[in-house]
Amino acid sequence: MRKVEEVVRELNAPKAEKEPAKDKAALPEEYKQLSDQISSVFNTKVQFNRSEKGNGKIVIPFKSDEDLERIIAILDKANTKE
């Protein structure tokens, strides 16, 4: 989980130079890498949705109540490590 935190910090760090405007629907490559890392933690595809304003959400789908409980257990375990 430390790698995920590191990537998030890098995403939130101010940039020295402004980047050129990107396609509104396209997410930065860092988001793809972060999505892949989180997907491996939860063993399911994780989606990032982001608006033009920059706010967004992370979507972690589940297939059943048992799958949801498994994901919640992973979150609980990560929360107790802090």
PDB file of N, CA and C in Angstrom:
ATOM      1  N   MET A   1       0.819  -1.187   0.000  1.00  0.00           N
ATOM      2  CA  MET A   1       0.000   0.000   0.000  1.00  0.00           C
ATOM      3  C   MET A   1       0.873   1.266   0.000  1.00  0.00           C
ATOM      4  N   ARG A   2       2.095   1.208   0.452  1.00  0.00           N
ATOM      5  CA  ARG A   2       2.957   2.387   0.489  1.00  0.00           C
ATOM      6  C   ARG A   2       3.206   2.924  -0.915  1.00  0.00           C
ATOM      7  N   LYS A   3       3.326   2.033  -1.891  1.00  0.00           N
ATOM      8  CA  LYS A   3       3.542   2.465  -3.270  1.00  0.00           C
ATOM      9  C   LYS A   3       2.343   3.274  -3.758  1.00  0.00           C
ATOM     10  N   VAL A   4       1.142   2.852  -3.410  1.00  0.00           N
ATOM     11  CA  VAL A   4      -0.070   3.577  -3.789  1.00  0.00           C
ATOM     12  C   VAL A   4      -0.030   4.975  -3.181  1.00  0.00           C
ATOM     13  N   GLU A   5       0.330   5.071  -1.911  1.00  0.00           N
ATOM     14  CA  GLU A   5       0.412   6.376  -1.251  1.00  0.00           C
ATOM     15  C   GLU A   5       1.443   7.267  -1.938  1.00  0.00           C
ATOM     16  N   GLU A   6       2.565   6.688  -2.342  1.00  0.00           N
ATOM     17  CA  GLU A   6       3.609   7.446  -3.014  1.00  0.00           C
ATOM     18  C   GLU A   6       3.102   7.995  -4.352  1.00  0.00           C
ATOM     19  N   VAL A   7       2.401   7.173  -5.114  1.00  0.00           N
ATOM     20  CA  VAL A   7       1.873   7.607  -6.404  1.00  0.00           C
ATOM     21  C   VAL A   7       0.856   8.727  -6.212  1.00  0.00           C
ATOM     22  N   VAL A   8      -0.007   8.608  -5.196  1.00  0.00           N
ATOM     23  CA  VAL A   8      -0.991   9.653  -4.916  1.00  0.00           C
ATOM     24  C   VAL A   8      -0.298  10.958  -4.554  1.00  0.00           C
ATOM     25  N   ARG A   9       0.759  10.890  -3.741  1.00  0.00           N
ATOM     26  CA  ARG A   9       1.498  12.104  -3.382  1.00  0.00           C
ATOM     27  C   ARG A   9       2.085  12.757  -4.635  1.00  0.00           C
ATOM     28  N   GLU A  10       2.630  11.948  -5.522  1.00  0.00           N
ATOM     29  CA  GLU A  10       3.202  12.487  -6.755  1.00  0.00           C
ATOM     30  C   GLU A  10       2.128  13.153  -7.608  1.00  0.00           C
ATOM     31  N   LEU A  11       0.936  12.561  -7.649  1.00  0.00           N
ATOM     32  CA  LEU A  11      -0.149  13.146  -8.427  1.00  0.00           C
ATOM     33  C   LEU A  11      -0.598  14.480  -7.844  1.00  0.00           C
ATOM     34  N   ASN A  12      -0.536  14.615  -6.538  1.00  0.00           N
ATOM     35  CA  ASN A  12      -0.985  15.832  -5.878  1.00  0.00           C
ATOM     36  C   ASN A  12       0.093  16.907  -5.787  1.00  0.00           C
ATOM     37  N   ALA A  13       1.336  16.553  -6.056  1.00  0.00           N
ATOM     38  CA  ALA A  13       2.434  17.517  -5.963  1.00  0.00           C
ATOM     39  C   ALA A  13       2.286  18.559  -7.071  1.00  0.00           C
ATOM     40  N   PRO A  14       2.590  19.839  -6.762  1.00  0.00           N
ATOM     41  CA  PRO A  14       2.500  20.881  -7.794  1.00  0.00           C
ATOM     42  C   PRO A  14       3.543  20.647  -8.879  1.00  0.00           C
ATOM     43  N   LYS A  15       3.158  20.927 -10.085  1.00  0.00           N
ATOM     44  CA  LYS A  15       4.056  20.745 -11.232  1.00  0.00           C
ATOM     45  C   LYS A  15       4.874  22.017 -11.441  1.00  0.00           C
ATOM     46  N   ALA A  16       6.127  21.878 -11.841  1.00  0.00           N
ATOM     47  CA  ALA A  16       6.989  23.030 -12.095  1.00  0.00           C
ATOM     48  C   ALA A  16       6.495  23.806 -13.319  1.00  0.00           C
ATOM     49  N   GLU A  17       6.021  23.091 -14.313  1.00  0.00           N
ATOM     50  CA  GLU A  17       5.518  23.717 -15.526  1.00  0.00           C
ATOM     51  C   GLU A  17       4.109  23.217 -15.777  1.00  0.00           C
ATOM     52  N   LYS A  18       3.307  24.069 -16.390  1.00  0.00           N
ATOM     53  CA  LYS A  18       1.956  23.653 -16.753  1.00  0.00           C
ATOM     54  C   LYS A  18       2.050  22.670 -17.907  1.00  0.00           C
ATOM     55  N   GLU A  19       1.243  21.635 -17.832  1.00  0.00           N
ATOM     56  CA  GLU A  19       1.197  20.670 -18.915  1.00  0.00           C
ATOM     57  C   GLU A  19       0.218  21.171 -19.966  1.00  0.00           C
ATOM     58  N   PRO A  20       0.429  20.830 -21.218  1.00  0.00           N
ATOM     59  CA  PRO A  20      -0.531  21.232 -22.248  1.00  0.00           C
ATOM     60  C   PRO A  20      -1.894  20.607 -21.978  1.00  0.00           C
ATOM     61  N   ALA A  21      -2.941  21.273 -22.442  1.00  0.00           N
ATOM     62  CA  ALA A  21      -4.302  20.765 -22.224  1.00  0.00           C
ATOM     63  C   ALA A  21      -4.436  19.379 -22.835  1.00  0.00           C
ATOM     64  N   LYS A  22      -5.090  18.508 -22.089  1.00  0.00           N
ATOM     65  CA  LYS A  22      -5.273  17.134 -22.549  1.00  0.00           C
ATOM     66  C   LYS A  22      -6.731  16.901 -22.873  1.00  0.00           C
ATOM     67  N   ASP A  23      -6.989  15.826 -23.564  1.00  0.00           N
ATOM     68  CA  ASP A  23      -8.358  15.419 -23.849  1.00  0.00           C
ATOM     69  C   ASP A  23      -9.098  15.243 -22.538  1.00  0.00           C
ATOM     70  N   LYS A  24     -10.312  15.805 -22.449  1.00  0.00           N
ATOM     71  CA  LYS A  24     -11.079  15.763 -21.205  1.00  0.00           C
ATOM     72  C   LYS A  24     -11.306  14.343 -20.721  1.00  0.00           C
ATOM     73  N   ALA A  25     -11.512  13.399 -21.627  1.00  0.00           N
ATOM     74  CA  ALA A  25     -11.820  12.027 -21.242  1.00  0.00           C
ATOM     75  C   ALA A  25     -10.565  11.237 -20.865  1.00  0.00           C
ATOM     76  N   ALA A  26      -9.411  11.697 -21.318  1.00  0.00           N
ATOM     77  CA  ALA A  26      -8.177  10.953 -21.073  1.00  0.00           C
ATOM     78  C   ALA A  26      -7.661  11.218 -19.663  1.00  0.00           C
ATOM     79  N   LEU A  27      -7.192  10.169 -19.029  1.00  0.00           N
ATOM     80  CA  LEU A  27      -6.584  10.291 -17.706  1.00  0.00           C
ATOM     81  C   LEU A  27      -5.073  10.234 -17.861  1.00  0.00           C
ATOM     82  N   PRO A  28      -4.353  10.898 -16.966  1.00  0.00           N
ATOM     83  CA  PRO A  28      -2.883  10.845 -17.032  1.00  0.00           C
ATOM     84  C   PRO A  28      -2.383   9.404 -16.889  1.00  0.00           C
ATOM     85  N   GLU A  29      -1.205   9.152 -17.423  1.00  0.00           N
ATOM     86  CA  GLU A  29      -0.596   7.820 -17.351  1.00  0.00           C
ATOM     87  C   GLU A  29      -0.435   7.370 -15.899  1.00  0.00           C
ATOM     88  N   GLU A  30      -0.179   8.315 -14.992  1.00  0.00           N
ATOM     89  CA  GLU A  30      -0.032   7.978 -13.583  1.00  0.00           C
ATOM     90  C   GLU A  30      -1.302   7.331 -13.037  1.00  0.00           C
ATOM     91  N   TYR A  31      -2.463   7.786 -13.518  1.00  0.00           N
ATOM     92  CA  TYR A  31      -3.733   7.208 -13.080  1.00  0.00           C
ATOM     93  C   TYR A  31      -3.855   5.769 -13.556  1.00  0.00           C
ATOM     94  N   LYS A  32      -3.373   5.495 -14.756  1.00  0.00           N
ATOM     95  CA  LYS A  32      -3.404   4.125 -15.278  1.00  0.00           C
ATOM     96  C   LYS A  32      -2.543   3.222 -14.408  1.00  0.00           C
ATOM     97  N   GLN A  33      -1.353   3.694 -14.060  1.00  0.00           N
ATOM     98  CA  GLN A  33      -0.456   2.915 -13.203  1.00  0.00           C
ATOM     99  C   GLN A  33      -1.076   2.695 -11.834  1.00  0.00           C
ATOM    100  N   LEU A  34      -1.663   3.746 -11.267  1.00  0.00           N
ATOM    101  CA  LEU A  34      -2.297   3.641  -9.965  1.00  0.00           C
ATOM    102  C   LEU A  34      -3.485   2.685 -10.013  1.00  0.00           C
ATOM    103  N   SER A  35      -4.257   2.775 -11.086  1.00  0.00           N
ATOM    104  CA  SER A  35      -5.395   1.870 -11.264  1.00  0.00           C
ATOM    105  C   SER A  35      -4.934   0.413 -11.310  1.00  0.00           C
ATOM    106  N   ASP A  36      -3.847   0.169 -12.027  1.00  0.00           N
ATOM    107  CA  ASP A  36      -3.304  -1.193 -12.107  1.00  0.00           C
ATOM    108  C   ASP A  36      -2.846  -1.687 -10.734  1.00  0.00           C
ATOM    109  N   GLN A  37      -2.200  -0.819  -9.957  1.00  0.00           N
ATOM    110  CA  GLN A  37      -1.726  -1.206  -8.627  1.00  0.00           C
ATOM    111  C   GLN A  37      -2.889  -1.517  -7.697  1.00  0.00           C
ATOM    112  N   ILE A  38      -3.892  -0.649  -7.712  1.00  0.00           N
ATOM    113  CA  ILE A  38      -5.048  -0.868  -6.843  1.00  0.00           C
ATOM    114  C   ILE A  38      -5.808  -2.108  -7.285  1.00  0.00           C
ATOM    115  N   SER A  39      -5.911  -2.318  -8.598  1.00  0.00           N
ATOM    116  CA  SER A  39      -6.577  -3.516  -9.114  1.00  0.00           C
ATOM    117  C   SER A  39      -5.905  -4.782  -8.607  1.00  0.00           C
ATOM    118  N   SER A  40      -4.581  -4.754  -8.537  1.00  0.00           N
ATOM    119  CA  SER A  40      -3.874  -5.947  -8.057  1.00  0.00           C
ATOM    120  C   SER A  40      -4.121  -6.168  -6.561  1.00  0.00           C
ATOM    121  N   VAL A  41      -4.282  -5.100  -5.799  1.00  0.00           N
ATOM    122  CA  VAL A  41      -4.565  -5.229  -4.363  1.00  0.00           C
ATOM    123  C   VAL A  41      -5.939  -5.861  -4.152  1.00  0.00           C
ATOM    124  N   PHE A  42      -6.943  -5.375  -4.902  1.00  0.00           N
ATOM    125  CA  PHE A  42      -8.317  -5.843  -4.718  1.00  0.00           C
ATOM    126  C   PHE A  42      -8.680  -7.033  -5.604  1.00  0.00           C
ATOM    127  N   ASN A  43      -7.765  -7.412  -6.496  1.00  0.00           N
ATOM    128  CA  ASN A  43      -7.995  -8.538  -7.408  1.00  0.00           C
ATOM    129  C   ASN A  43      -9.281  -8.344  -8.218  1.00  0.00           C
ATOM    130  N   THR A  44      -9.516  -7.109  -8.644  1.00  0.00           N
ATOM    131  CA  THR A  44     -10.641  -6.774  -9.508  1.00  0.00           C
ATOM    132  C   THR A  44     -10.295  -5.490 -10.250  1.00  0.00           C
ATOM    133  N   LYS A  45     -10.910  -5.273 -11.395  1.00  0.00           N
ATOM    134  CA  LYS A  45     -10.631  -4.065 -12.175  1.00  0.00           C
ATOM    135  C   LYS A  45     -11.132  -2.836 -11.423  1.00  0.00           C
ATOM    136  N   VAL A  46     -10.287  -1.832 -11.330  1.00  0.00           N
ATOM    137  CA  VAL A  46     -10.625  -0.585 -10.656  1.00  0.00           C
ATOM    138  C   VAL A  46     -10.682   0.517 -11.709  1.00  0.00           C
ATOM    139  N   GLN A  47     -11.728   1.348 -11.620  1.00  0.00           N
ATOM    140  CA  GLN A  47     -11.904   2.419 -12.595  1.00  0.00           C
ATOM    141  C   GLN A  47     -11.752   3.774 -11.921  1.00  0.00           C
ATOM    142  N   PHE A  48     -11.141   4.708 -12.626  1.00  0.00           N
ATOM    143  CA  PHE A  48     -11.055   6.092 -12.180  1.00  0.00           C
ATOM    144  C   PHE A  48     -11.953   6.912 -13.102  1.00  0.00           C
ATOM    145  N   ASN A  49     -12.826   7.711 -12.532  1.00  0.00           N
ATOM    146  CA  ASN A  49     -13.666   8.628 -13.293  1.00  0.00           C
ATOM    147  C   ASN A  49     -13.335  10.030 -12.824  1.00  0.00           C
ATOM    148  N   ARG A  50     -13.105  10.929 -13.779  1.00  0.00           N
ATOM    149  CA  ARG A  50     -12.690  12.285 -13.423  1.00  0.00           C
ATOM    150  C   ARG A  50     -13.424  13.292 -14.292  1.00  0.00           C
ATOM    151  N   SER A  51     -13.899  14.372 -13.684  1.00  0.00           N
ATOM    152  CA  SER A  51     -14.602  15.415 -14.421  1.00  0.00           C
ATOM    153  C   SER A  51     -13.610  16.437 -14.971  1.00  0.00           C
ATOM    154  N   GLU A  52     -14.119  17.377 -15.754  1.00  0.00           N
ATOM    155  CA  GLU A  52     -13.280  18.448 -16.290  1.00  0.00           C
ATOM    156  C   GLU A  52     -12.661  19.277 -15.176  1.00  0.00           C
ATOM    157  N   LYS A  53     -13.374  19.422 -14.069  1.00  0.00           N
ATOM    158  CA  LYS A  53     -12.902  20.241 -12.955  1.00  0.00           C
ATOM    159  C   LYS A  53     -11.797  19.557 -12.160  1.00  0.00           C
ATOM    160  N   GLY A  54     -11.586  18.272 -12.389  1.00  0.00           N
ATOM    161  CA  GLY A  54     -10.516  17.561 -11.701  1.00  0.00           C
ATOM    162  C   GLY A  54     -10.986  16.669 -10.572  1.00  0.00           C
ATOM    163  N   ASN A  55     -12.241  16.830 -10.143  1.00  0.00           N
ATOM    164  CA  ASN A  55     -12.716  15.933  -9.086  1.00  0.00           C
ATOM    165  C   ASN A  55     -13.148  14.613  -9.710  1.00  0.00           C
ATOM    166  N   GLY A  56     -13.212  13.577  -8.890  1.00  0.00           N
ATOM    167  CA  GLY A  56     -13.552  12.289  -9.452  1.00  0.00           C
ATOM    168  C   GLY A  56     -13.848  11.257  -8.393  1.00  0.00           C
ATOM    169  N   LYS A  57     -13.855  10.024  -8.849  1.00  0.00           N
ATOM    170  CA  LYS A  57     -14.106   8.921  -7.933  1.00  0.00           C
ATOM    171  C   LYS A  57     -13.388   7.678  -8.419  1.00  0.00           C
ATOM    172  N   ILE A  58     -13.167   6.775  -7.475  1.00  0.00           N
ATOM    173  CA  ILE A  58     -12.581   5.475  -7.763  1.00  0.00           C
ATOM    174  C   ILE A  58     -13.697   4.458  -7.621  1.00  0.00           C
ATOM    175  N   VAL A  59     -13.877   3.634  -8.635  1.00  0.00           N
ATOM    176  CA  VAL A  59     -14.947   2.632  -8.637  1.00  0.00           C
ATOM    177  C   VAL A  59     -14.316   1.249  -8.506  1.00  0.00           C
ATOM    178  N   ILE A  60     -14.744   0.524  -7.473  1.00  0.00           N
ATOM    179  CA  ILE A  60     -14.282  -0.850  -7.247  1.00  0.00           C
ATOM    180  C   ILE A  60     -15.505  -1.758  -7.356  1.00  0.00           C
ATOM    181  N   PRO A  61     -15.700  -2.397  -8.497  1.00  0.00           N
ATOM    182  CA  PRO A  61     -16.880  -3.247  -8.663  1.00  0.00           C
ATOM    183  C   PRO A  61     -16.759  -4.555  -7.875  1.00  0.00           C
ATOM    184  N   PHE A  62     -17.907  -5.135  -7.537  1.00  0.00           N
ATOM    185  CA  PHE A  62     -17.927  -6.435  -6.881  1.00  0.00           C
ATOM    186  C   PHE A  62     -19.022  -7.281  -7.510  1.00  0.00           C
ATOM    187  N   LYS A  63     -18.854  -8.613  -7.437  1.00  0.00           N
ATOM    188  CA  LYS A  63     -19.745  -9.541  -8.129  1.00  0.00           C
ATOM    189  C   LYS A  63     -20.822 -10.138  -7.234  1.00  0.00           C
ATOM    190  N   SER A  64     -20.610 -10.086  -5.928  1.00  0.00           N
ATOM    191  CA  SER A  64     -21.553 -10.703  -4.999  1.00  0.00           C
ATOM    192  C   SER A  64     -21.349 -10.099  -3.618  1.00  0.00           C
ATOM    193  N   ASP A  65     -22.228 -10.451  -2.693  1.00  0.00           N
ATOM    194  CA  ASP A  65     -22.068  -9.993  -1.315  1.00  0.00           C
ATOM    195  C   ASP A  65     -20.754 -10.490  -0.727  1.00  0.00           C
ATOM    196  N   GLU A  66     -20.380 -11.716  -1.070  1.00  0.00           N
ATOM    197  CA  GLU A  66     -19.127 -12.276  -0.575  1.00  0.00           C
ATOM    198  C   GLU A  66     -17.936 -11.499  -1.122  1.00  0.00           C
ATOM    199  N   ASP A  67     -18.013 -11.114  -2.391  1.00  0.00           N
ATOM    200  CA  ASP A  67     -16.936 -10.349  -3.009  1.00  0.00           C
ATOM    201  C   ASP A  67     -16.822  -8.973  -2.347  1.00  0.00           C
ATOM    202  N   LEU A  68     -17.956  -8.346  -2.055  1.00  0.00           N
ATOM    203  CA  LEU A  68     -17.948  -7.068  -1.354  1.00  0.00           C
ATOM    204  C   LEU A  68     -17.321  -7.218   0.034  1.00  0.00           C
ATOM    205  N   GLU A  69     -17.670  -8.262   0.739  1.00  0.00           N
ATOM    206  CA  GLU A  69     -17.098  -8.504   2.066  1.00  0.00           C
ATOM    207  C   GLU A  69     -15.582  -8.698   1.978  1.00  0.00           C
ATOM    208  N   ARG A  70     -15.123  -9.361   0.932  1.00  0.00           N
ATOM    209  CA  ARG A  70     -13.685  -9.566   0.720  1.00  0.00           C
ATOM    210  C   ARG A  70     -12.986  -8.219   0.522  1.00  0.00           C
ATOM    211  N   ILE A  71     -13.579  -7.342  -0.275  1.00  0.00           N
ATOM    212  CA  ILE A  71     -13.001  -6.021  -0.532  1.00  0.00           C
ATOM    213  C   ILE A  71     -12.989  -5.190   0.747  1.00  0.00           C
ATOM    214  N   ILE A  72     -14.064  -5.228   1.499  1.00  0.00           N
ATOM    215  CA  ILE A  72     -14.133  -4.494   2.767  1.00  0.00           C
ATOM    216  C   ILE A  72     -13.086  -5.016   3.747  1.00  0.00           C
ATOM    217  N   ALA A  73     -12.867  -6.326   3.757  1.00  0.00           N
ATOM    218  CA  ALA A  73     -11.835  -6.905   4.634  1.00  0.00           C
ATOM    219  C   ALA A  73     -10.454  -6.383   4.258  1.00  0.00           C
ATOM    220  N   ILE A  74     -10.189  -6.228   2.971  1.00  0.00           N
ATOM    221  CA  ILE A  74      -8.899  -5.687   2.524  1.00  0.00           C
ATOM    222  C   ILE A  74      -8.752  -4.247   3.005  1.00  0.00           C
ATOM    223  N   LEU A  75      -9.813  -3.455   2.877  1.00  0.00           N
ATOM    224  CA  LEU A  75      -9.783  -2.071   3.350  1.00  0.00           C
ATOM    225  C   LEU A  75      -9.588  -2.012   4.864  1.00  0.00           C
ATOM    226  N   ASP A  76     -10.290  -2.866   5.586  1.00  0.00           N
ATOM    227  CA  ASP A  76     -10.139  -2.904   7.040  1.00  0.00           C
ATOM    228  C   ASP A  76      -8.717  -3.264   7.439  1.00  0.00           C
ATOM    229  N   LYS A  77      -8.149  -4.235   6.757  1.00  0.00           N
ATOM    230  CA  LYS A  77      -6.786  -4.666   7.057  1.00  0.00           C
ATOM    231  C   LYS A  77      -5.799  -3.533   6.805  1.00  0.00           C
ATOM    232  N   ALA A  78      -5.990  -2.811   5.702  1.00  0.00           N
ATOM    233  CA  ALA A  78      -5.108  -1.670   5.383  1.00  0.00           C
ATOM    234  C   ALA A  78      -5.270  -0.554   6.411  1.00  0.00           C
ATOM    235  N   ASN A  79      -6.478  -0.370   6.897  1.00  0.00           N
ATOM    236  CA  ASN A  79      -6.755   0.685   7.876  1.00  0.00           C
ATOM    237  C   ASN A  79      -6.117   0.372   9.230  1.00  0.00           C
ATOM    238  N   THR A  80      -6.035  -0.880   9.605  1.00  0.00           N
ATOM    239  CA  THR A  80      -5.448  -1.238  10.897  1.00  0.00           C
ATOM    240  C   THR A  80      -3.939  -1.207  10.885  1.00  0.00           C
ATOM    241  N   LYS A  81      -3.309  -1.190   9.704  1.00  0.00           N
ATOM    242  CA  LYS A  81      -1.849  -1.142   9.606  1.00  0.00           C
ATOM    243  C   LYS A  81      -1.302   0.247   9.913  1.00  0.00           C
ATOM    244  N   GLU A  82      -2.140   1.261   9.822  1.00  0.00           N
ATOM    245  CA  GLU A  82      -1.652   2.638  10.021  1.00  0.00           C
ATOM    246  C   GLU A  82      -1.373   2.933  11.422  1.00  0.00           C
TER     247      GLU A  82
END
